């Protein structure tokens, strides 16, 4: 039985990393900056100096958390609360859309994790001004970009033989720029904030799970888990 020399195979797999590790990292960093600039272009509709206002649903829930309750800071119409059946569709002119009315308070029925994170960030930074949902869309897409590119690079690093560079860069570009990312940036409302938040958390989970499964040392695996 013959065996392929381990040193030759390892050098073939890791040669790009050993040849220019800083060059590869600089290229990846430049890629992230260019993509974020592309995101900012769509986000500001090409103006760069102004950003859209699509409401601040998550901020009203975050401020509710900071005030010590689960309902939002938006107040329902007092006339609506006096009606025997405020949920009757005939009363829609008194509703506040995309909120749920329950026992005199308005609740947000989107996922609460973005609002909880926003409350934490505002508390740590001492922010008092409302934070629009559009900022959450941009932030979550950047988090997804970072986690997804890390995952793709890690997958490429562990392939034997290593994939060509053009394949890795093509995968990174497709992940970063493909639909529906431009649409989400062009309409960064509460719907898109919920979607991009879920996508960001999911891709982060994929990356952490892959590192957990692929690391050899037990301590490193436990840390990634």
N, C-alpha and C. Protein backbone atom coordinates (compact mmCIF):
# COMPACT_ATOMS: atom_id res chain seq x y z
N UNK A 1 0.85 -1.20 0.00
CA UNK A 1 0.00 0.00 0.00
C UNK A 1 0.89 1.24 0.00
N UNK A 2 0.54 2.17 -0.84
CA UNK A 2 1.31 3.41 -0.92
C UNK A 2 0.47 4.57 -0.40
N UNK A 3 1.13 5.56 0.12
CA UNK A 3 0.47 6.74 0.69
C UNK A 3 1.02 7.98 0.01
N UNK A 4 0.13 8.94 -0.25
CA UNK A 4 0.56 10.22 -0.79
C UNK A 4 1.27 11.00 0.30
N UNK A 5 2.41 11.57 0.02
CA UNK A 5 3.12 12.34 1.06
C UNK A 5 2.25 13.44 1.63
N UNK A 6 2.13 13.47 2.95
CA UNK A 6 1.26 14.45 3.60
C UNK A 6 1.73 15.86 3.37
N UNK A 7 3.07 16.03 3.36
CA UNK A 7 3.59 17.38 3.21
C UNK A 7 3.22 17.98 1.87
N UNK A 8 3.28 17.18 0.80
CA UNK A 8 2.91 17.69 -0.52
C UNK A 8 1.46 18.07 -0.59
N UNK A 9 0.57 17.25 -0.03
CA UNK A 9 -0.86 17.55 -0.06
C UNK A 9 -1.17 18.78 0.75
N UNK A 10 -0.57 18.88 1.95
CA UNK A 10 -0.85 20.03 2.80
C UNK A 10 -0.36 21.32 2.16
N UNK A 11 0.80 21.24 1.50
CA UNK A 11 1.30 22.45 0.87
C UNK A 11 0.41 22.88 -0.27
N UNK A 12 -0.21 21.88 -0.97
CA UNK A 12 -1.11 22.22 -2.06
C UNK A 12 -2.36 22.90 -1.54
N UNK A 13 -2.88 22.42 -0.40
CA UNK A 13 -4.11 22.97 0.14
C UNK A 13 -3.91 24.35 0.72
N UNK A 14 -2.82 24.52 1.48
CA UNK A 14 -2.67 25.75 2.25
C UNK A 14 -1.68 26.72 1.64
N UNK A 15 -1.21 26.44 0.41
CA UNK A 15 -0.22 27.32 -0.20
C UNK A 15 -0.70 28.76 -0.31
N UNK A 16 -1.96 29.03 -0.79
CA UNK A 16 -2.40 30.42 -0.88
C UNK A 16 -2.39 31.14 0.45
N UNK A 17 -2.78 30.39 1.53
CA UNK A 17 -2.82 31.04 2.84
C UNK A 17 -1.40 31.35 3.33
N UNK A 18 -0.44 30.41 3.07
CA UNK A 18 0.91 30.62 3.55
C UNK A 18 1.64 31.67 2.72
N UNK A 19 1.29 31.76 1.43
CA UNK A 19 1.98 32.67 0.54
C UNK A 19 1.72 34.12 0.91
N UNK A 20 0.50 34.47 1.13
CA UNK A 20 0.18 35.88 1.37
C UNK A 20 -1.04 35.99 2.27
N UNK A 21 -0.92 35.65 3.57
CA UNK A 21 -2.09 35.74 4.45
C UNK A 21 -2.60 37.16 4.61
N UNK A 22 -1.69 38.13 4.71
CA UNK A 22 -2.13 39.51 4.89
C UNK A 22 -2.76 40.05 3.62
N UNK A 23 -2.24 39.61 2.49
CA UNK A 23 -2.82 40.05 1.22
C UNK A 23 -4.25 39.53 1.07
N UNK A 24 -4.44 38.27 1.47
CA UNK A 24 -5.79 37.69 1.39
C UNK A 24 -6.75 38.43 2.33
N UNK A 25 -6.30 38.73 3.53
CA UNK A 25 -7.16 39.45 4.48
C UNK A 25 -7.45 40.87 4.01
N UNK A 26 -6.44 41.51 3.44
CA UNK A 26 -6.67 42.86 2.92
C UNK A 26 -7.66 42.84 1.76
N UNK A 27 -7.56 41.83 0.90
CA UNK A 27 -8.51 41.70 -0.20
C UNK A 27 -9.92 41.48 0.29
N UNK A 28 -10.04 40.65 1.33
CA UNK A 28 -11.37 40.39 1.90
C UNK A 28 -11.92 41.64 2.56
N UNK A 29 -11.06 42.38 3.28
CA UNK A 29 -11.52 43.62 3.90
C UNK A 29 -11.95 44.65 2.87
N UNK A 30 -11.21 44.75 1.77
CA UNK A 30 -11.59 45.67 0.70
C UNK A 30 -12.92 45.25 0.08
N UNK A 31 -13.10 43.95 -0.07
CA UNK A 31 -14.37 43.44 -0.60
C UNK A 31 -15.54 43.84 0.29
N UNK A 32 -15.38 43.70 1.60
CA UNK A 32 -16.45 44.07 2.53
C UNK A 32 -16.75 45.56 2.44
N UNK A 33 -15.72 46.39 2.35
CA UNK A 33 -15.93 47.83 2.26
C UNK A 33 -16.67 48.20 0.97
N UNK A 34 -16.30 47.58 -0.14
CA UNK A 34 -16.96 47.88 -1.41
C UNK A 34 -18.43 47.46 -1.36
N UNK A 35 -18.71 46.29 -0.81
CA UNK A 35 -20.09 45.81 -0.74
C UNK A 35 -20.91 46.70 0.19
N UNK A 36 -20.36 47.09 1.32
CA UNK A 36 -21.09 47.98 2.23
C UNK A 36 -21.35 49.32 1.56
N UNK A 37 -20.40 49.80 0.77
CA UNK A 37 -20.64 51.01 -0.01
C UNK A 37 -21.76 50.84 -1.01
N UNK A 38 -21.83 49.66 -1.61
CA UNK A 38 -22.95 49.33 -2.52
C UNK A 38 -24.26 49.32 -1.76
N UNK A 39 -24.25 48.73 -0.56
CA UNK A 39 -25.45 48.74 0.27
C UNK A 39 -25.87 50.18 0.59
N UNK A 40 -24.91 51.00 0.96
CA UNK A 40 -25.22 52.38 1.32
C UNK A 40 -25.79 53.14 0.14
N UNK A 41 -25.31 52.85 -1.07
CA UNK A 41 -25.83 53.49 -2.27
C UNK A 41 -27.32 53.18 -2.44
N UNK A 42 -27.68 51.91 -2.31
CA UNK A 42 -29.09 51.53 -2.43
C UNK A 42 -29.90 52.09 -1.26
N UNK A 43 -29.33 52.01 -0.08
CA UNK A 43 -30.04 52.44 1.13
C UNK A 43 -30.40 53.91 1.07
N UNK A 44 -29.52 54.74 0.53
CA UNK A 44 -29.76 56.19 0.45
C UNK A 44 -30.28 56.61 -0.91
N UNK A 45 -30.69 55.64 -1.73
CA UNK A 45 -31.18 55.90 -3.10
C UNK A 45 -30.21 56.76 -3.89
N UNK A 46 -28.93 56.46 -3.74
CA UNK A 46 -27.91 57.14 -4.52
C UNK A 46 -27.47 58.48 -4.00
N UNK A 47 -28.05 58.95 -2.89
CA UNK A 47 -27.71 60.30 -2.39
C UNK A 47 -26.51 60.26 -1.42
N UNK A 48 -26.34 59.18 -0.71
CA UNK A 48 -25.23 58.96 0.23
C UNK A 48 -25.35 59.81 1.50
N UNK A 49 -25.87 61.02 1.41
CA UNK A 49 -25.90 61.91 2.57
C UNK A 49 -27.25 61.95 3.28
N UNK A 50 -28.25 61.27 2.75
CA UNK A 50 -29.57 61.24 3.40
C UNK A 50 -30.09 59.82 3.37
N UNK A 51 -30.89 59.48 4.37
CA UNK A 51 -31.38 58.11 4.46
C UNK A 51 -32.91 58.12 4.59
N UNK A 52 -33.54 57.01 4.23
CA UNK A 52 -35.00 56.98 4.18
C UNK A 52 -35.63 56.86 5.56
N UNK A 53 -36.88 57.23 5.63
CA UNK A 53 -37.66 57.11 6.87
C UNK A 53 -38.86 56.21 6.58
N UNK A 54 -38.77 54.96 7.03
CA UNK A 54 -39.83 53.98 6.83
C UNK A 54 -40.49 53.60 8.15
N UNK A 55 -40.44 54.49 9.11
CA UNK A 55 -41.07 54.21 10.40
C UNK A 55 -40.09 53.66 11.40
N UNK A 56 -40.55 53.54 12.64
CA UNK A 56 -39.69 53.07 13.73
C UNK A 56 -40.46 52.12 14.64
N UNK A 57 -41.04 51.10 14.05
CA UNK A 57 -41.82 50.13 14.82
C UNK A 57 -40.97 49.46 15.90
N UNK A 58 -39.81 49.00 15.52
CA UNK A 58 -38.97 48.30 16.49
C UNK A 58 -38.52 49.23 17.61
N UNK A 59 -38.34 50.51 17.31
CA UNK A 59 -37.94 51.45 18.34
C UNK A 59 -39.04 51.63 19.38
N UNK A 60 -40.31 51.65 18.95
CA UNK A 60 -41.40 51.78 19.92
C UNK A 60 -41.45 50.59 20.86
N UNK A 61 -41.10 49.39 20.33
CA UNK A 61 -41.06 48.22 21.20
C UNK A 61 -39.83 48.25 22.11
N UNK A 62 -38.71 48.71 21.56
CA UNK A 62 -37.49 48.82 22.37
C UNK A 62 -37.70 49.79 23.53
N UNK A 63 -38.34 50.92 23.25
CA UNK A 63 -38.60 51.89 24.33
C UNK A 63 -39.59 51.33 25.34
N UNK A 64 -40.50 50.48 24.89
CA UNK A 64 -41.39 49.82 25.83
C UNK A 64 -40.61 48.90 26.77
N UNK A 65 -39.65 48.16 26.21
CA UNK A 65 -38.81 47.32 27.05
C UNK A 65 -38.03 48.16 28.06
N UNK A 66 -37.49 49.26 27.60
CA UNK A 66 -36.69 50.11 28.49
C UNK A 66 -37.54 50.74 29.57
N UNK A 67 -38.84 50.90 29.30
CA UNK A 67 -39.76 51.45 30.31
C UNK A 67 -40.26 50.37 31.27
N UNK A 68 -39.91 49.12 31.01
CA UNK A 68 -40.27 48.06 31.93
C UNK A 68 -41.55 47.32 31.63
N UNK A 69 -42.06 47.40 30.38
CA UNK A 69 -43.27 46.67 30.04
C UNK A 69 -43.13 46.07 28.64
N UNK A 70 -44.05 45.19 28.29
CA UNK A 70 -43.98 44.47 27.03
C UNK A 70 -44.71 45.15 25.89
N UNK A 71 -45.55 46.14 26.18
CA UNK A 71 -46.26 46.82 25.10
C UNK A 71 -45.43 48.01 24.61
N UNK A 72 -45.80 48.52 23.44
CA UNK A 72 -45.04 49.59 22.82
C UNK A 72 -45.40 50.94 23.43
N UNK A 73 -44.69 51.95 22.98
CA UNK A 73 -44.95 53.31 23.47
C UNK A 73 -46.02 54.02 22.64
N UNK A 74 -46.53 53.38 21.60
CA UNK A 74 -47.59 53.96 20.79
C UNK A 74 -48.92 53.81 21.52
N UNK A 75 -49.69 54.88 21.58
CA UNK A 75 -50.97 54.87 22.28
C UNK A 75 -52.11 54.63 21.29
N UNK A 76 -53.04 53.75 21.61
CA UNK A 76 -54.19 53.55 20.72
C UNK A 76 -55.13 54.75 20.76
N UNK A 77 -55.95 54.87 19.75
CA UNK A 77 -56.92 55.95 19.68
C UNK A 77 -57.94 55.79 20.82
N UNK A 78 -58.14 56.82 21.66
CA UNK A 78 -59.09 56.69 22.77
C UNK A 78 -60.50 56.35 22.31
N UNK A 79 -60.90 56.83 21.16
CA UNK A 79 -62.22 56.51 20.63
C UNK A 79 -62.36 55.02 20.36
N UNK A 80 -61.28 54.41 19.94
CA UNK A 80 -61.32 52.98 19.64
C UNK A 80 -61.55 52.17 20.92
N UNK A 81 -60.97 52.60 22.02
CA UNK A 81 -61.09 51.86 23.27
C UNK A 81 -62.51 51.94 23.84
N UNK A 82 -63.29 52.92 23.43
CA UNK A 82 -64.65 53.06 23.93
C UNK A 82 -65.66 52.21 23.17
N UNK A 83 -65.25 51.64 22.06
CA UNK A 83 -66.17 50.86 21.24
C UNK A 83 -66.36 49.47 21.81
N UNK A 84 -67.56 48.89 21.64
CA UNK A 84 -67.81 47.54 22.17
C UNK A 84 -66.96 46.47 21.48
N UNK A 85 -66.67 46.65 20.20
CA UNK A 85 -65.83 45.71 19.46
C UNK A 85 -64.80 46.48 18.64
N UNK A 86 -63.67 46.84 19.24
CA UNK A 86 -62.67 47.63 18.50
C UNK A 86 -62.04 46.86 17.34
N UNK A 87 -62.22 45.53 17.32
CA UNK A 87 -61.61 44.72 16.26
C UNK A 87 -62.49 44.62 15.01
N UNK A 88 -63.67 45.19 15.06
CA UNK A 88 -64.55 45.18 13.90
C UNK A 88 -63.88 45.95 12.76
N UNK A 89 -63.91 45.35 11.57
CA UNK A 89 -63.23 45.97 10.42
C UNK A 89 -63.83 47.33 10.08
N UNK A 90 -65.03 47.58 10.51
CA UNK A 90 -65.64 48.88 10.25
C UNK A 90 -64.92 50.00 11.00
N UNK A 91 -64.13 49.64 12.00
CA UNK A 91 -63.41 50.64 12.80
C UNK A 91 -61.96 50.82 12.34
N UNK A 92 -61.65 50.37 11.15
CA UNK A 92 -60.25 50.37 10.71
C UNK A 92 -59.65 51.77 10.64
N UNK A 93 -60.49 52.80 10.46
CA UNK A 93 -59.94 54.15 10.40
C UNK A 93 -59.35 54.60 11.73
N UNK A 94 -59.68 53.88 12.80
CA UNK A 94 -59.14 54.19 14.13
C UNK A 94 -57.96 53.30 14.50
N UNK A 95 -57.66 52.34 13.68
CA UNK A 95 -56.57 51.40 14.00
C UNK A 95 -55.20 52.05 13.76
N UNK A 96 -54.22 51.48 14.42
CA UNK A 96 -52.81 51.77 14.12
C UNK A 96 -52.25 50.52 13.45
N UNK A 97 -51.98 50.60 12.18
CA UNK A 97 -51.65 49.41 11.41
C UNK A 97 -50.34 48.78 11.88
N UNK A 98 -50.30 47.46 11.75
CA UNK A 98 -49.14 46.63 12.09
C UNK A 98 -48.85 46.60 13.59
N UNK A 99 -49.85 46.90 14.39
CA UNK A 99 -49.78 46.69 15.83
C UNK A 99 -50.98 45.85 16.25
N UNK A 100 -50.83 45.15 17.36
CA UNK A 100 -51.92 44.36 17.92
C UNK A 100 -52.46 45.04 19.17
N UNK A 101 -53.78 45.23 19.22
CA UNK A 101 -54.42 45.84 20.37
C UNK A 101 -54.82 44.76 21.36
N UNK A 102 -54.39 44.93 22.61
CA UNK A 102 -54.74 43.97 23.66
C UNK A 102 -54.82 44.70 25.00
N UNK A 103 -56.02 44.69 25.59
CA UNK A 103 -56.25 45.28 26.90
C UNK A 103 -55.75 46.72 26.98
N UNK A 104 -56.07 47.48 25.97
CA UNK A 104 -55.78 48.91 25.99
C UNK A 104 -54.38 49.30 25.59
N UNK A 105 -53.55 48.35 25.17
CA UNK A 105 -52.18 48.65 24.77
C UNK A 105 -51.91 48.07 23.40
N UNK A 106 -50.92 48.64 22.73
CA UNK A 106 -50.52 48.17 21.41
C UNK A 106 -49.22 47.38 21.52
N UNK A 107 -49.23 46.21 20.91
CA UNK A 107 -48.07 45.32 20.93
C UNK A 107 -47.54 45.11 19.52
N UNK A 108 -46.26 44.84 19.44
CA UNK A 108 -45.62 44.54 18.16
C UNK A 108 -45.65 43.03 17.94
N UNK A 109 -46.19 42.61 16.81
CA UNK A 109 -46.30 41.16 16.58
C UNK A 109 -45.17 40.62 15.72
N UNK A 110 -44.17 41.43 15.43
CA UNK A 110 -42.97 40.93 14.77
C UNK A 110 -42.06 40.31 15.84
N UNK A 111 -41.01 39.64 15.39
CA UNK A 111 -40.08 39.05 16.35
C UNK A 111 -39.50 40.10 17.29
N UNK A 112 -39.34 39.75 18.55
CA UNK A 112 -38.94 40.73 19.55
C UNK A 112 -37.43 40.82 19.75
N UNK A 113 -36.67 39.90 19.17
CA UNK A 113 -35.22 39.94 19.35
C UNK A 113 -34.60 41.22 18.82
N UNK A 114 -34.94 41.69 17.61
CA UNK A 114 -34.37 42.97 17.16
C UNK A 114 -34.68 44.13 18.11
N UNK A 115 -35.90 44.16 18.63
CA UNK A 115 -36.25 45.23 19.57
C UNK A 115 -35.46 45.12 20.86
N UNK A 116 -35.25 43.89 21.34
CA UNK A 116 -34.47 43.71 22.56
C UNK A 116 -33.02 44.14 22.35
N UNK A 117 -32.45 43.78 21.20
CA UNK A 117 -31.08 44.20 20.90
C UNK A 117 -30.99 45.72 20.75
N UNK A 118 -31.99 46.30 20.11
CA UNK A 118 -32.00 47.76 19.97
C UNK A 118 -32.09 48.45 21.32
N UNK A 119 -32.91 47.92 22.22
CA UNK A 119 -33.00 48.49 23.56
C UNK A 119 -31.66 48.40 24.28
N UNK A 120 -30.95 47.28 24.10
CA UNK A 120 -29.65 47.11 24.73
C UNK A 120 -28.64 48.11 24.17
N UNK A 121 -28.59 48.26 22.86
CA UNK A 121 -27.64 49.18 22.23
C UNK A 121 -27.94 50.62 22.63
N UNK A 122 -29.21 51.00 22.62
CA UNK A 122 -29.55 52.37 23.00
C UNK A 122 -29.20 52.63 24.46
N UNK A 123 -29.39 51.64 25.31
CA UNK A 123 -29.04 51.82 26.70
C UNK A 123 -27.53 51.96 26.90
N UNK A 124 -26.75 51.15 26.18
CA UNK A 124 -25.29 51.20 26.32
C UNK A 124 -24.72 52.49 25.77
N UNK A 125 -25.28 52.98 24.67
CA UNK A 125 -24.75 54.19 24.03
C UNK A 125 -25.42 55.47 24.50
N UNK A 126 -26.45 55.33 25.33
CA UNK A 126 -27.15 56.51 25.82
C UNK A 126 -27.94 57.23 24.76
N UNK A 127 -28.49 56.50 23.79
CA UNK A 127 -29.26 57.11 22.72
C UNK A 127 -30.69 57.36 23.17
N UNK A 128 -31.22 58.52 22.82
CA UNK A 128 -32.60 58.85 23.14
C UNK A 128 -33.45 59.08 21.90
N UNK A 129 -32.83 59.45 20.81
CA UNK A 129 -33.58 59.70 19.58
C UNK A 129 -34.10 58.39 19.02
N UNK A 130 -35.26 58.40 18.36
CA UNK A 130 -35.79 57.18 17.75
C UNK A 130 -34.85 56.65 16.67
N UNK A 131 -34.77 55.34 16.61
CA UNK A 131 -33.96 54.67 15.59
C UNK A 131 -34.91 54.02 14.60
N UNK A 132 -34.81 54.41 13.35
CA UNK A 132 -35.72 53.91 12.33
C UNK A 132 -35.47 52.45 11.98
N UNK A 133 -36.50 51.78 11.50
CA UNK A 133 -36.37 50.39 11.08
C UNK A 133 -35.38 50.25 9.93
N UNK A 134 -35.22 51.30 9.12
CA UNK A 134 -34.29 51.23 8.00
C UNK A 134 -32.86 51.00 8.47
N UNK A 135 -32.50 51.57 9.62
CA UNK A 135 -31.16 51.34 10.15
C UNK A 135 -30.97 49.88 10.54
N UNK A 136 -32.01 49.26 11.04
CA UNK A 136 -31.92 47.84 11.39
C UNK A 136 -31.73 46.99 10.15
N UNK A 137 -32.43 47.34 9.07
CA UNK A 137 -32.27 46.58 7.82
C UNK A 137 -30.81 46.64 7.36
N UNK A 138 -30.25 47.83 7.33
CA UNK A 138 -28.86 47.99 6.90
C UNK A 138 -27.91 47.24 7.83
N UNK A 139 -28.11 47.34 9.12
CA UNK A 139 -27.24 46.67 10.08
C UNK A 139 -27.32 45.16 9.94
N UNK A 140 -28.52 44.62 9.84
CA UNK A 140 -28.68 43.17 9.73
C UNK A 140 -28.08 42.64 8.42
N UNK A 141 -28.20 43.39 7.34
CA UNK A 141 -27.60 42.94 6.08
C UNK A 141 -26.08 42.95 6.18
N UNK A 142 -25.52 43.90 6.90
CA UNK A 142 -24.07 43.91 7.09
C UNK A 142 -23.63 42.75 7.97
N UNK A 143 -24.39 42.43 9.00
CA UNK A 143 -24.07 41.27 9.85
C UNK A 143 -24.15 39.99 9.03
N UNK A 144 -25.19 39.87 8.21
CA UNK A 144 -25.32 38.70 7.33
C UNK A 144 -24.15 38.60 6.37
N UNK A 145 -23.74 39.73 5.81
CA UNK A 145 -22.60 39.75 4.90
C UNK A 145 -21.34 39.25 5.59
N UNK A 146 -21.07 39.73 6.78
CA UNK A 146 -19.87 39.34 7.51
C UNK A 146 -19.90 37.85 7.84
N UNK A 147 -21.00 37.38 8.42
CA UNK A 147 -21.09 35.98 8.81
C UNK A 147 -21.05 35.06 7.59
N UNK A 148 -21.75 35.43 6.53
CA UNK A 148 -21.78 34.58 5.34
C UNK A 148 -20.44 34.51 4.65
N UNK A 149 -19.72 35.64 4.57
CA UNK A 149 -18.40 35.61 3.95
C UNK A 149 -17.41 34.82 4.79
N UNK A 150 -17.51 34.92 6.10
CA UNK A 150 -16.67 34.08 6.97
C UNK A 150 -16.94 32.60 6.75
N UNK A 151 -18.21 32.25 6.62
CA UNK A 151 -18.57 30.85 6.40
C UNK A 151 -18.04 30.35 5.07
N UNK A 152 -18.19 31.12 4.01
CA UNK A 152 -17.70 30.71 2.70
C UNK A 152 -16.18 30.57 2.69
N UNK A 153 -15.48 31.50 3.31
CA UNK A 153 -14.02 31.41 3.38
C UNK A 153 -13.58 30.19 4.19
N UNK A 154 -14.31 29.89 5.26
CA UNK A 154 -13.96 28.73 6.08
C UNK A 154 -14.21 27.44 5.31
N UNK A 155 -15.31 27.38 4.57
CA UNK A 155 -15.58 26.20 3.74
C UNK A 155 -14.50 26.01 2.69
N UNK A 156 -14.11 27.10 2.03
CA UNK A 156 -13.07 27.00 1.00
C UNK A 156 -11.73 26.57 1.60
N UNK A 157 -11.45 27.05 2.81
CA UNK A 157 -10.18 26.70 3.45
C UNK A 157 -10.08 25.23 3.77
N UNK A 158 -11.23 24.59 4.01
CA UNK A 158 -11.22 23.19 4.43
C UNK A 158 -11.45 22.22 3.28
N UNK A 159 -11.73 22.72 2.09
CA UNK A 159 -11.88 21.83 0.93
C UNK A 159 -10.53 21.24 0.54
N UNK A 160 -10.54 19.99 0.08
CA UNK A 160 -9.35 19.33 -0.43
C UNK A 160 -9.68 18.69 -1.77
N UNK A 161 -9.09 19.15 -2.87
CA UNK A 161 -8.16 20.29 -2.95
C UNK A 161 -8.90 21.62 -2.81
N UNK A 162 -8.14 22.67 -2.53
CA UNK A 162 -8.74 23.99 -2.36
C UNK A 162 -9.37 24.47 -3.66
N UNK A 163 -10.53 25.08 -3.61
CA UNK A 163 -11.17 25.60 -4.83
C UNK A 163 -10.38 26.76 -5.40
N UNK A 164 -10.50 27.02 -6.69
CA UNK A 164 -9.80 28.18 -7.27
C UNK A 164 -10.34 29.48 -6.69
N UNK A 165 -9.52 30.48 -6.74
CA UNK A 165 -9.91 31.76 -6.15
C UNK A 165 -11.15 32.34 -6.82
N UNK A 166 -11.25 32.18 -8.15
CA UNK A 166 -12.40 32.76 -8.85
C UNK A 166 -13.70 32.16 -8.36
N UNK A 167 -13.67 30.87 -7.95
CA UNK A 167 -14.89 30.23 -7.46
C UNK A 167 -15.30 30.81 -6.11
N UNK A 168 -14.31 31.04 -5.24
CA UNK A 168 -14.62 31.62 -3.94
C UNK A 168 -15.14 33.04 -4.09
N UNK A 169 -14.49 33.86 -4.92
CA UNK A 169 -14.93 35.24 -5.10
C UNK A 169 -16.29 35.31 -5.77
N UNK A 170 -16.56 34.38 -6.67
CA UNK A 170 -17.88 34.35 -7.30
C UNK A 170 -18.96 34.03 -6.27
N UNK A 171 -18.65 33.08 -5.38
CA UNK A 171 -19.61 32.73 -4.33
C UNK A 171 -19.84 33.91 -3.39
N UNK A 172 -18.77 34.63 -3.04
CA UNK A 172 -18.90 35.78 -2.15
C UNK A 172 -19.74 36.88 -2.80
N UNK A 173 -19.49 37.15 -4.07
CA UNK A 173 -20.26 38.18 -4.77
C UNK A 173 -21.73 37.80 -4.88
N UNK A 174 -21.99 36.55 -5.21
CA UNK A 174 -23.37 36.10 -5.33
C UNK A 174 -24.09 36.21 -3.99
N UNK A 175 -23.45 35.79 -2.93
CA UNK A 175 -24.07 35.85 -1.61
C UNK A 175 -24.34 37.30 -1.20
N UNK A 176 -23.41 38.20 -1.51
CA UNK A 176 -23.51 39.58 -1.03
C UNK A 176 -24.48 40.42 -1.83
N UNK A 177 -24.61 40.17 -3.13
CA UNK A 177 -25.31 41.11 -4.00
C UNK A 177 -26.58 40.58 -4.62
N UNK A 178 -26.85 39.28 -4.53
CA UNK A 178 -27.98 38.72 -5.25
C UNK A 178 -29.30 39.16 -4.65
N UNK A 179 -30.35 39.07 -5.46
CA UNK A 179 -31.72 39.34 -5.00
C UNK A 179 -32.05 38.40 -3.83
N UNK A 180 -32.78 38.88 -2.80
CA UNK A 180 -33.52 40.15 -2.73
C UNK A 180 -32.80 41.28 -2.00
N UNK A 181 -31.48 41.19 -1.85
CA UNK A 181 -30.78 42.22 -1.08
C UNK A 181 -31.01 43.63 -1.60
N UNK A 182 -30.89 43.91 -2.92
CA UNK A 182 -31.16 45.28 -3.37
C UNK A 182 -32.58 45.74 -3.07
N UNK A 183 -33.55 44.85 -3.21
CA UNK A 183 -34.94 45.23 -2.91
C UNK A 183 -35.10 45.57 -1.44
N UNK A 184 -34.51 44.77 -0.56
CA UNK A 184 -34.63 45.02 0.87
C UNK A 184 -34.03 46.37 1.24
N UNK A 185 -32.92 46.72 0.61
CA UNK A 185 -32.28 48.00 0.89
C UNK A 185 -33.08 49.17 0.33
N UNK A 186 -33.78 48.93 -0.77
CA UNK A 186 -34.56 50.01 -1.39
C UNK A 186 -35.88 50.24 -0.68
N UNK A 187 -36.31 49.29 0.14
CA UNK A 187 -37.56 49.44 0.89
C UNK A 187 -37.35 48.95 2.32
N UNK A 188 -36.56 49.65 3.11
CA UNK A 188 -36.19 49.17 4.44
C UNK A 188 -37.25 49.49 5.50
N UNK A 189 -38.38 48.80 5.43
CA UNK A 189 -39.46 49.01 6.38
C UNK A 189 -39.46 47.91 7.44
N UNK A 190 -40.53 47.84 8.24
CA UNK A 190 -40.61 46.87 9.32
C UNK A 190 -40.61 45.44 8.80
N UNK A 191 -41.27 45.21 7.66
CA UNK A 191 -41.28 43.86 7.08
C UNK A 191 -39.85 43.42 6.78
N UNK A 192 -39.11 44.32 6.11
CA UNK A 192 -37.74 44.00 5.71
C UNK A 192 -36.82 43.90 6.93
N UNK A 193 -37.09 44.68 7.97
CA UNK A 193 -36.29 44.58 9.18
C UNK A 193 -36.44 43.21 9.82
N UNK A 194 -37.67 42.70 9.85
CA UNK A 194 -37.89 41.37 10.41
C UNK A 194 -37.22 40.30 9.56
N UNK A 195 -37.33 40.41 8.24
CA UNK A 195 -36.73 39.42 7.34
C UNK A 195 -35.21 39.42 7.43
N UNK A 196 -34.61 40.60 7.37
CA UNK A 196 -33.15 40.66 7.41
C UNK A 196 -32.61 40.26 8.77
N UNK A 197 -33.36 40.56 9.83
CA UNK A 197 -32.95 40.10 11.16
C UNK A 197 -32.91 38.59 11.23
N UNK A 198 -33.96 37.94 10.75
CA UNK A 198 -33.98 36.48 10.74
C UNK A 198 -32.86 35.90 9.90
N UNK A 199 -32.59 36.52 8.74
CA UNK A 199 -31.51 36.03 7.87
C UNK A 199 -30.15 36.18 8.54
N UNK A 200 -29.93 37.32 9.19
CA UNK A 200 -28.65 37.55 9.85
C UNK A 200 -28.42 36.54 10.98
N UNK A 201 -29.43 36.32 11.80
CA UNK A 201 -29.28 35.38 12.91
C UNK A 201 -29.05 33.96 12.38
N UNK A 202 -29.74 33.60 11.29
CA UNK A 202 -29.62 32.25 10.74
C UNK A 202 -28.23 32.01 10.17
N UNK A 203 -27.68 32.96 9.42
CA UNK A 203 -26.36 32.78 8.84
C UNK A 203 -25.29 32.75 9.94
N UNK A 204 -25.45 33.57 10.97
CA UNK A 204 -24.53 33.50 12.11
C UNK A 204 -24.57 32.11 12.75
N UNK A 205 -25.77 31.56 12.89
CA UNK A 205 -25.90 30.22 13.47
C UNK A 205 -25.22 29.18 12.59
N UNK A 206 -25.36 29.31 11.26
CA UNK A 206 -24.68 28.38 10.35
C UNK A 206 -23.17 28.44 10.55
N UNK A 207 -22.64 29.63 10.64
CA UNK A 207 -21.19 29.78 10.79
C UNK A 207 -20.71 29.17 12.11
N UNK A 208 -21.39 29.51 13.21
CA UNK A 208 -20.99 28.97 14.50
C UNK A 208 -21.12 27.45 14.53
N UNK A 209 -22.20 26.92 13.94
CA UNK A 209 -22.40 25.48 13.93
C UNK A 209 -21.33 24.77 13.10
N UNK A 210 -20.95 25.37 11.97
CA UNK A 210 -19.91 24.76 11.15
C UNK A 210 -18.58 24.73 11.89
N UNK A 211 -18.23 25.82 12.56
CA UNK A 211 -16.98 25.83 13.32
C UNK A 211 -17.02 24.83 14.46
N UNK A 212 -18.18 24.69 15.08
CA UNK A 212 -18.34 23.73 16.16
C UNK A 212 -18.11 22.30 15.65
N UNK A 213 -18.65 21.98 14.49
CA UNK A 213 -18.54 20.63 13.95
C UNK A 213 -17.17 20.34 13.34
N UNK A 214 -16.46 21.36 12.90
CA UNK A 214 -15.24 21.13 12.14
C UNK A 214 -13.96 21.28 12.94
N UNK A 215 -14.01 21.95 14.08
CA UNK A 215 -12.79 22.12 14.87
C UNK A 215 -12.38 20.79 15.50
N UNK A 216 -11.06 20.58 15.57
CA UNK A 216 -10.54 19.32 16.12
C UNK A 216 -10.44 19.36 17.65
N UNK A 217 -10.01 20.49 18.19
CA UNK A 217 -9.81 20.58 19.64
C UNK A 217 -11.15 20.71 20.35
N UNK A 218 -11.30 19.95 21.43
CA UNK A 218 -12.56 19.96 22.17
C UNK A 218 -12.87 21.32 22.75
N UNK A 219 -11.84 22.03 23.23
CA UNK A 219 -12.07 23.35 23.81
C UNK A 219 -12.59 24.34 22.78
N UNK A 220 -12.02 24.31 21.58
CA UNK A 220 -12.47 25.22 20.53
C UNK A 220 -13.90 24.87 20.09
N UNK A 221 -14.19 23.59 19.99
CA UNK A 221 -15.54 23.18 19.61
C UNK A 221 -16.56 23.67 20.63
N UNK A 222 -16.21 23.54 21.90
CA UNK A 222 -17.13 24.00 22.95
C UNK A 222 -17.32 25.50 22.88
N UNK A 223 -16.25 26.23 22.60
CA UNK A 223 -16.36 27.69 22.50
C UNK A 223 -17.28 28.10 21.37
N UNK A 224 -17.15 27.45 20.20
CA UNK A 224 -18.02 27.80 19.08
C UNK A 224 -19.45 27.38 19.33
N UNK A 225 -19.65 26.27 20.04
CA UNK A 225 -21.02 25.86 20.39
C UNK A 225 -21.66 26.88 21.30
